């Protein structure tokens, strides 16, 4: 849950709203973003 919250904060801060919307429903994409952004 903490990783998901951190991901949401980063995406909101960077105004990546499309990524935020996709990550909310696509687990594989969410995992890719977590890895790309170094969030664990």
N, C-alpha and C. Protein backbone atom coordinates (compact mmCIF):
# COMPACT_ATOMS: atom_id res chain seq x y z
N UNK A 1 0.81 -1.19 0.00
CA UNK A 1 0.00 0.00 0.00
C UNK A 1 0.86 1.26 0.00
N UNK A 2 1.96 1.24 0.74
CA UNK A 2 2.83 2.42 0.78
C UNK A 2 3.43 2.70 -0.59
N UNK A 3 3.80 1.65 -1.32
CA UNK A 3 4.37 1.83 -2.66
C UNK A 3 3.33 2.43 -3.59
N UNK A 4 2.11 1.98 -3.49
CA UNK A 4 1.05 2.51 -4.34
C UNK A 4 0.81 3.98 -4.03
N UNK A 5 0.80 4.35 -2.76
CA UNK A 5 0.63 5.75 -2.37
C UNK A 5 1.78 6.59 -2.90
N UNK A 6 2.99 6.07 -2.80
CA UNK A 6 4.16 6.79 -3.30
C UNK A 6 4.07 6.98 -4.81
N UNK A 7 3.64 5.94 -5.50
CA UNK A 7 3.48 6.04 -6.95
C UNK A 7 2.45 7.10 -7.29
N UNK A 8 1.33 7.09 -6.61
CA UNK A 8 0.28 8.08 -6.86
C UNK A 8 0.79 9.50 -6.63
N UNK A 9 1.56 9.71 -5.55
CA UNK A 9 2.11 11.04 -5.27
C UNK A 9 3.02 11.51 -6.39
N UNK A 10 3.90 10.62 -6.87
CA UNK A 10 4.83 10.99 -7.94
C UNK A 10 4.06 11.33 -9.22
N UNK A 11 3.12 10.49 -9.57
CA UNK A 11 2.37 10.72 -10.81
C UNK A 11 1.55 12.01 -10.73
N UNK A 12 0.96 12.28 -9.58
CA UNK A 12 0.21 13.53 -9.42
C UNK A 12 1.14 14.74 -9.47
N UNK A 13 2.26 14.66 -8.78
CA UNK A 13 3.22 15.77 -8.76
C UNK A 13 3.71 16.10 -10.16
N UNK A 14 3.93 15.05 -10.96
CA UNK A 14 4.43 15.24 -12.32
C UNK A 14 3.30 15.43 -13.33
N UNK A 15 2.06 15.52 -12.85
CA UNK A 15 0.88 15.72 -13.68
C UNK A 15 0.74 14.66 -14.77
N UNK A 16 1.07 13.41 -14.40
CA UNK A 16 0.97 12.28 -15.33
C UNK A 16 -0.38 11.58 -15.10
N UNK A 17 -1.43 12.31 -15.40
CA UNK A 17 -2.78 11.84 -15.08
C UNK A 17 -3.17 10.60 -15.89
N UNK A 18 -2.74 10.53 -17.14
CA UNK A 18 -3.05 9.35 -17.95
C UNK A 18 -2.39 8.11 -17.37
N UNK A 19 -1.14 8.26 -16.93
CA UNK A 19 -0.44 7.14 -16.30
C UNK A 19 -1.12 6.74 -15.00
N UNK A 20 -1.57 7.71 -14.24
CA UNK A 20 -2.27 7.44 -12.99
C UNK A 20 -3.56 6.65 -13.25
N UNK A 21 -4.31 7.07 -14.24
CA UNK A 21 -5.56 6.38 -14.57
C UNK A 21 -5.28 4.96 -15.04
N UNK A 22 -4.28 4.78 -15.89
CA UNK A 22 -3.96 3.44 -16.39
C UNK A 22 -3.44 2.54 -15.28
N UNK A 23 -2.60 3.09 -14.42
CA UNK A 23 -2.03 2.31 -13.32
C UNK A 23 -3.09 1.84 -12.33
N UNK A 24 -4.18 2.57 -12.25
CA UNK A 24 -5.24 2.19 -11.31
C UNK A 24 -5.98 0.94 -11.74
N UNK A 25 -5.89 0.61 -13.04
CA UNK A 25 -6.64 -0.56 -13.52
C UNK A 25 -5.77 -1.62 -14.20
N UNK A 26 -4.48 -1.34 -14.38
CA UNK A 26 -3.59 -2.25 -15.10
C UNK A 26 -2.40 -2.61 -14.20
N UNK A 27 -2.48 -3.78 -13.57
CA UNK A 27 -1.46 -4.18 -12.59
C UNK A 27 -0.06 -4.28 -13.20
N UNK A 28 0.04 -4.78 -14.42
CA UNK A 28 1.35 -4.93 -15.05
C UNK A 28 1.97 -3.56 -15.32
N UNK A 29 1.16 -2.62 -15.78
CA UNK A 29 1.65 -1.26 -16.03
C UNK A 29 2.04 -0.59 -14.73
N UNK A 30 1.25 -0.80 -13.68
CA UNK A 30 1.55 -0.25 -12.36
C UNK A 30 2.90 -0.77 -11.88
N UNK A 31 3.15 -2.06 -12.04
CA UNK A 31 4.42 -2.65 -11.62
C UNK A 31 5.58 -2.07 -12.42
N UNK A 32 5.37 -1.86 -13.72
CA UNK A 32 6.42 -1.27 -14.56
C UNK A 32 6.75 0.14 -14.07
N UNK A 33 5.74 0.93 -13.77
CA UNK A 33 5.98 2.29 -13.27
C UNK A 33 6.73 2.26 -11.94
N UNK A 34 6.33 1.36 -11.05
CA UNK A 34 7.01 1.23 -9.76
C UNK A 34 8.50 0.94 -9.97
N UNK A 35 8.78 0.02 -10.87
CA UNK A 35 10.19 -0.33 -11.15
C UNK A 35 10.93 0.81 -11.81
N UNK A 36 10.29 1.44 -12.81
CA UNK A 36 10.94 2.54 -13.54
C UNK A 36 11.25 3.73 -12.62
N UNK A 37 10.38 3.97 -11.65
CA UNK A 37 10.56 5.10 -10.75
C UNK A 37 11.33 4.73 -9.48
N UNK A 38 11.71 3.46 -9.35
CA UNK A 38 12.50 3.02 -8.21
C UNK A 38 11.73 2.99 -6.91
N UNK A 39 10.42 2.72 -7.00
CA UNK A 39 9.57 2.67 -5.81
C UNK A 39 9.34 1.21 -5.44
N UNK A 40 9.57 0.87 -4.18
CA UNK A 40 9.36 -0.51 -3.73
C UNK A 40 8.50 -0.56 -2.49
